[in-house]
Amino acid sequence: MLHARWMTAARRPLLAWLLATLVTLSGCSLFQPELEDPEFRLERIEVLELGMTQQRFMLTLAVDNPNSQSLPVRAIRYDLQVADLDFADGSSDKAFTVAGNETTMVEIEARSQLLSSLPELIRMVHGGQRNFDYAITGSVEYGRFFRGSRDFEQTGSVRLLLD
């Protein structure tokens, strides 16, 4: 009988702690605001190397955070089409943070194998074309404690920089 009372008395603090923990965790999720998706724009493409088997480019992305709190980004995966040509795809695991209601410029090195498309692209550039329509799709992984992933898609016009 004494043993049964001791077990019940010993369980009370444990149950109280467990209940307090559950209430606290559910309270955190109630106070976590719903975040708006960040927006991505391709600002420019800089040619780093134009080889016969591989090409290297520096992509500059503008990441707009419409939220009042900062957004820690852990990784970006993307597919890029330029002038209706499959231009590049890849990923970057270089983490960065976009301050609340701010825009951050992010540079991502891209590698491409444009063997079939390179002659057409060079013809357009030599013809004086510097601005090209693009379509970029992908996903972004964000967050520190509350992690998530969001898909993005954007179209526009981008300047191709040759040095």
C-alpha atoms as a PDB file:
ATOM      1  CA  MET A   1       0.000   0.000   0.000  1.00  0.00           C
ATOM      2  CA  LEU A   2       2.827   2.374   0.851  1.00  0.00           C
ATOM      3  CA  HIS A   3       4.548   1.416  -2.388  1.00  0.00           C
ATOM      4  CA  ALA A   4       1.401   2.249  -4.445  1.00  0.00           C
ATOM      5  CA  ARG A   5       1.101   5.701  -2.799  1.00  0.00           C
ATOM      6  CA  TRP A   6       4.773   6.391  -3.414  1.00  0.00           C
ATOM      7  CA  MET A   7       4.433   5.496  -7.091  1.00  0.00           C
ATOM      8  CA  THR A   8       1.410   7.784  -7.454  1.00  0.00           C
ATOM      9  CA  ALA A   9       3.174  10.614  -5.616  1.00  0.00           C
ATOM     10  CA  ALA A  10       6.320  10.118  -7.695  1.00  0.00           C
ATOM     11  CA  ARG A  11       4.344  10.256 -10.927  1.00  0.00           C
ATOM     12  CA  ARG A  12       2.641  13.565 -10.173  1.00  0.00           C
ATOM     13  CA  PRO A  13       5.707  15.782 -10.726  1.00  0.00           C
ATOM     14  CA  LEU A  14       6.554  13.825 -13.867  1.00  0.00           C
ATOM     15  CA  LEU A  15       3.013  14.208 -15.211  1.00  0.00           C
ATOM     16  CA  ALA A  16       2.993  17.906 -14.300  1.00  0.00           C
ATOM     17  CA  TRP A  17       6.316  18.413 -16.105  1.00  0.00           C
ATOM     18  CA  LEU A  18       5.084  16.499 -19.153  1.00  0.00           C
ATOM     19  CA  LEU A  19       1.860  18.530 -19.272  1.00  0.00           C
ATOM     20  CA  ALA A  20       3.768  21.818 -18.914  1.00  0.00           C
ATOM     21  CA  THR A  21       6.130  20.794 -21.726  1.00  0.00           C
ATOM     22  CA  LEU A  22       3.260  19.913 -24.064  1.00  0.00           C
ATOM     23  CA  VAL A  23       1.451  23.183 -23.328  1.00  0.00           C
ATOM     24  CA  THR A  24       4.657  25.150 -23.917  1.00  0.00           C
ATOM     25  CA  LEU A  25       5.371  23.426 -27.232  1.00  0.00           C
ATOM     26  CA  SER A  26       1.838  23.906 -28.500  1.00  0.00           C
ATOM     27  CA  GLY A  27       1.990  27.535 -27.366  1.00  0.00           C
ATOM     28  CA  CYS A  28       5.124  28.073 -29.451  1.00  0.00           C
ATOM     29  CA  SER A  29       3.351  26.858 -32.557  1.00  0.00           C
ATOM     30  CA  LEU A  30       0.435  29.202 -31.860  1.00  0.00           C
ATOM     31  CA  PHE A  31       2.767  32.203 -31.663  1.00  0.00           C
ATOM     32  CA  GLN A  32       4.799  31.200 -34.747  1.00  0.00           C
ATOM     33  CA  PRO A  33       3.430  33.474 -37.485  1.00  0.00           C
ATOM     34  CA  GLU A  34       2.658  32.133 -40.925  1.00  0.00           C
ATOM     35  CA  LEU A  35       5.548  33.210 -43.124  1.00  0.00           C
ATOM     36  CA  GLU A  36       5.070  34.461 -46.662  1.00  0.00           C
ATOM     37  CA  ASP A  37       7.202  32.798 -49.320  1.00  0.00           C
ATOM     38  CA  PRO A  38      10.374  34.623 -50.324  1.00  0.00           C
ATOM     39  CA  GLU A  39      10.616  35.798 -53.929  1.00  0.00           C
ATOM     40  CA  PHE A  40      13.580  35.078 -56.209  1.00  0.00           C
ATOM     41  CA  ARG A  41      14.704  37.103 -59.220  1.00  0.00           C
ATOM     42  CA  LEU A  42      17.635  36.408 -61.485  1.00  0.00           C
ATOM     43  CA  GLU A  43      19.483  39.735 -61.669  1.00  0.00           C
ATOM     44  CA  ARG A  44      22.383  38.827 -63.928  1.00  0.00           C
ATOM     45  CA  ILE A  45      24.491  36.079 -65.436  1.00  0.00           C
ATOM     46  CA  GLU A  46      28.232  36.607 -65.625  1.00  0.00           C
ATOM     47  CA  VAL A  47      30.278  34.375 -67.904  1.00  0.00           C
ATOM     48  CA  LEU A  48      33.293  32.966 -66.061  1.00  0.00           C
ATOM     49  CA  GLU A  49      34.461  30.393 -68.605  1.00  0.00           C
ATOM     50  CA  LEU A  50      33.242  29.255 -72.010  1.00  0.00           C
ATOM     51  CA  GLY A  51      34.919  25.942 -72.753  1.00  0.00           C
ATOM     52  CA  MET A  52      33.971  23.370 -75.342  1.00  0.00           C
ATOM     53  CA  THR A  53      32.853  20.741 -72.828  1.00  0.00           C
ATOM     54  CA  GLN A  54      31.826  22.890 -69.882  1.00  0.00           C
ATOM     55  CA  GLN A  55      30.808  26.463 -69.200  1.00  0.00           C
ATOM     56  CA  ARG A  56      30.925  28.309 -65.860  1.00  0.00           C
ATOM     57  CA  PHE A  57      28.690  31.211 -64.919  1.00  0.00           C
ATOM     58  CA  MET A  58      28.047  33.336 -61.846  1.00  0.00           C
ATOM     59  CA  LEU A  59      24.304  33.718 -61.243  1.00  0.00           C
ATOM     60  CA  THR A  60      23.210  36.660 -59.102  1.00  0.00           C
ATOM     61  CA  LEU A  61      19.841  36.079 -57.432  1.00  0.00           C
ATOM     62  CA  ALA A  62      17.876  38.744 -55.589  1.00  0.00           C
ATOM     63  CA  VAL A  63      16.020  37.161 -52.663  1.00  0.00           C
ATOM     64  CA  ASP A  64      13.138  39.288 -51.319  1.00  0.00           C
ATOM     65  CA  ASN A  65      11.892  38.527 -47.799  1.00  0.00           C
ATOM     66  CA  PRO A  66       8.359  39.977 -47.389  1.00  0.00           C
ATOM     67  CA  ASN A  67       8.251  38.981 -43.691  1.00  0.00           C
ATOM     68  CA  SER A  68       9.133  41.171 -40.718  1.00  0.00           C
ATOM     69  CA  GLN A  69      11.446  38.519 -39.276  1.00  0.00           C
ATOM     70  CA  SER A  70      14.707  37.336 -40.788  1.00  0.00           C
ATOM     71  CA  LEU A  71      14.753  34.255 -42.982  1.00  0.00           C
ATOM     72  CA  PRO A  72      17.724  31.880 -42.661  1.00  0.00           C
ATOM     73  CA  VAL A  73      18.214  30.029 -45.964  1.00  0.00           C
ATOM     74  CA  ARG A  74      20.117  26.734 -45.838  1.00  0.00           C
ATOM     75  CA  ALA A  75      20.100  25.598 -49.475  1.00  0.00           C
ATOM     76  CA  ILE A  76      18.808  26.415 -52.953  1.00  0.00           C
ATOM     77  CA  ARG A  77      18.147  23.989 -55.802  1.00  0.00           C
ATOM     78  CA  TYR A  78      17.349  25.374 -59.247  1.00  0.00           C
ATOM     79  CA  ASP A  79      16.726  24.746 -62.955  1.00  0.00           C
ATOM     80  CA  LEU A  80      17.372  27.667 -65.286  1.00  0.00           C
ATOM     81  CA  GLN A  81      16.266  28.246 -68.864  1.00  0.00           C
ATOM     82  CA  VAL A  82      17.588  31.228 -70.820  1.00  0.00           C
ATOM     83  CA  ALA A  83      16.198  32.152 -74.244  1.00  0.00           C
ATOM     84  CA  ASP A  84      14.195  28.899 -74.179  1.00  0.00           C
ATOM     85  CA  LEU A  85      17.441  26.901 -73.842  1.00  0.00           C
ATOM     86  CA  ASP A  86      18.161  24.556 -70.932  1.00  0.00           C
ATOM     87  CA  PHE A  87      20.908  26.710 -69.475  1.00  0.00           C
ATOM     88  CA  ALA A  88      21.925  25.341 -66.075  1.00  0.00           C
ATOM     89  CA  ASP A  89      20.741  23.393 -63.078  1.00  0.00           C
ATOM     90  CA  GLY A  90      22.303  22.802 -59.732  1.00  0.00           C
ATOM     91  CA  SER A  91      22.278  23.624 -56.073  1.00  0.00           C
ATOM     92  CA  SER A  92      24.022  25.675 -53.439  1.00  0.00           C
ATOM     93  CA  ASP A  93      24.337  24.654 -49.801  1.00  0.00           C
ATOM     94  CA  LYS A  94      25.917  27.995 -48.879  1.00  0.00           C
ATOM     95  CA  ALA A  95      23.730  29.297 -46.039  1.00  0.00           C
ATOM     96  CA  PHE A  96      22.708  32.954 -45.811  1.00  0.00           C
ATOM     97  CA  THR A  97      20.124  35.062 -43.985  1.00  0.00           C
ATOM     98  CA  VAL A  98      17.736  37.586 -45.505  1.00  0.00           C
ATOM     99  CA  ALA A  99      16.776  40.302 -43.009  1.00  0.00           C
ATOM    100  CA  GLY A 100      13.092  41.041 -42.481  1.00  0.00           C
ATOM    101  CA  ASN A 101      11.504  43.147 -45.253  1.00  0.00           C
ATOM    102  CA  GLU A 102      14.851  43.260 -47.073  1.00  0.00           C
ATOM    103  CA  THR A 103      16.421  42.018 -50.301  1.00  0.00           C
ATOM    104  CA  THR A 104      19.705  40.116 -50.335  1.00  0.00           C
ATOM    105  CA  MET A 105      21.852  39.463 -53.398  1.00  0.00           C
ATOM    106  CA  VAL A 106      23.208  35.919 -53.563  1.00  0.00           C
ATOM    107  CA  GLU A 107      25.851  34.702 -55.987  1.00  0.00           C
ATOM    108  CA  ILE A 108      25.768  31.065 -57.082  1.00  0.00           C
ATOM    109  CA  GLU A 109      28.343  29.526 -59.381  1.00  0.00           C
ATOM    110  CA  ALA A 110      26.670  27.455 -62.078  1.00  0.00           C
ATOM    111  CA  ARG A 111      28.174  24.904 -64.406  1.00  0.00           C
ATOM    112  CA  SER A 112      26.560  23.979 -67.645  1.00  0.00           C
ATOM    113  CA  GLN A 113      27.064  21.740 -70.636  1.00  0.00           C
ATOM    114  CA  LEU A 114      25.624  23.739 -73.489  1.00  0.00           C
ATOM    115  CA  LEU A 115      27.216  21.809 -76.351  1.00  0.00           C
ATOM    116  CA  SER A 116      24.051  21.796 -78.429  1.00  0.00           C
ATOM    117  CA  SER A 117      22.916  25.286 -77.346  1.00  0.00           C
ATOM    118  CA  LEU A 118      26.238  27.147 -77.204  1.00  0.00           C
ATOM    119  CA  PRO A 119      26.415  28.040 -80.938  1.00  0.00           C
ATOM    120  CA  GLU A 120      22.912  29.567 -80.791  1.00  0.00           C
ATOM    121  CA  LEU A 121      23.752  31.519 -77.626  1.00  0.00           C
ATOM    122  CA  ILE A 122      27.030  32.811 -79.103  1.00  0.00           C
ATOM    123  CA  ARG A 123      25.214  33.851 -82.296  1.00  0.00           C
ATOM    124  CA  MET A 124      22.704  35.884 -80.245  1.00  0.00           C
ATOM    125  CA  VAL A 125      25.459  37.526 -78.171  1.00  0.00           C
ATOM    126  CA  HIS A 126      27.545  38.390 -81.257  1.00  0.00           C
ATOM    127  CA  GLY A 127      24.386  39.830 -82.804  1.00  0.00           C
ATOM    128  CA  GLY A 128      24.330  42.362 -79.957  1.00  0.00           C
ATOM    129  CA  GLN A 129      21.742  40.739 -77.732  1.00  0.00           C
ATOM    130  CA  ARG A 130      22.584  41.169 -74.039  1.00  0.00           C
ATOM    131  CA  ASN A 131      19.180  40.794 -72.373  1.00  0.00           C
ATOM    132  CA  PHE A 132      17.504  37.400 -72.447  1.00  0.00           C
ATOM    133  CA  ASP A 133      14.207  36.030 -71.198  1.00  0.00           C
ATOM    134  CA  TYR A 134      14.620  33.456 -68.455  1.00  0.00           C
ATOM    135  CA  ALA A 135      12.592  31.013 -66.396  1.00  0.00           C
ATOM    136  CA  ILE A 136      13.943  29.717 -63.101  1.00  0.00           C
ATOM    137  CA  THR A 137      12.287  27.058 -60.959  1.00  0.00           C
ATOM    138  CA  GLY A 138      13.520  25.350 -57.848  1.00  0.00           C
ATOM    139  CA  SER A 139      13.200  24.943 -54.130  1.00  0.00           C
ATOM    140  CA  VAL A 140      14.669  26.654 -51.108  1.00  0.00           C
ATOM    141  CA  GLU A 141      15.295  25.092 -47.698  1.00  0.00           C
ATOM    142  CA  TYR A 142      15.045  27.543 -44.845  1.00  0.00           C
ATOM    143  CA  GLY A 143      14.864  27.824 -41.080  1.00  0.00           C
ATOM    144  CA  ARG A 144      16.939  26.966 -38.060  1.00  0.00           C
ATOM    145  CA  PHE A 145      14.494  25.446 -35.598  1.00  0.00           C
ATOM    146  CA  PHE A 146      11.311  25.461 -37.682  1.00  0.00           C
ATOM    147  CA  ARG A 147      12.689  24.047 -40.911  1.00  0.00           C
ATOM    148  CA  GLY A 148      10.824  24.004 -44.147  1.00  0.00           C
ATOM    149  CA  SER A 149      11.093  23.872 -47.890  1.00  0.00           C
ATOM    150  CA  ARG A 150       9.309  25.957 -50.492  1.00  0.00           C
ATOM    151  CA  ASP A 151       9.174  25.738 -54.267  1.00  0.00           C
ATOM    152  CA  PHE A 152       9.649  28.850 -56.359  1.00  0.00           C
ATOM    153  CA  GLU A 153       9.168  29.826 -59.992  1.00  0.00           C
ATOM    154  CA  GLN A 154      10.026  33.113 -61.658  1.00  0.00           C
ATOM    155  CA  THR A 155      10.257  34.479 -65.188  1.00  0.00           C
ATOM    156  CA  GLY A 156      11.763  37.703 -66.398  1.00  0.00           C
ATOM    157  CA  SER A 157      14.579  39.268 -68.363  1.00  0.00           C
ATOM    158  CA  VAL A 158      18.247  39.040 -67.389  1.00  0.00           C
ATOM    159  CA  ARG A 159      21.440  40.673 -68.613  1.00  0.00           C
ATOM    160  CA  LEU A 160      24.264  38.392 -69.745  1.00  0.00           C
ATOM    161  CA  LEU A 161      27.635  39.916 -68.832  1.00  0.00           C
ATOM    162  CA  LEU A 162      30.683  38.971 -70.885  1.00  0.00           C
ATOM    163  CA  ASP A 163      34.187  39.946 -69.791  1.00  0.00           C
END
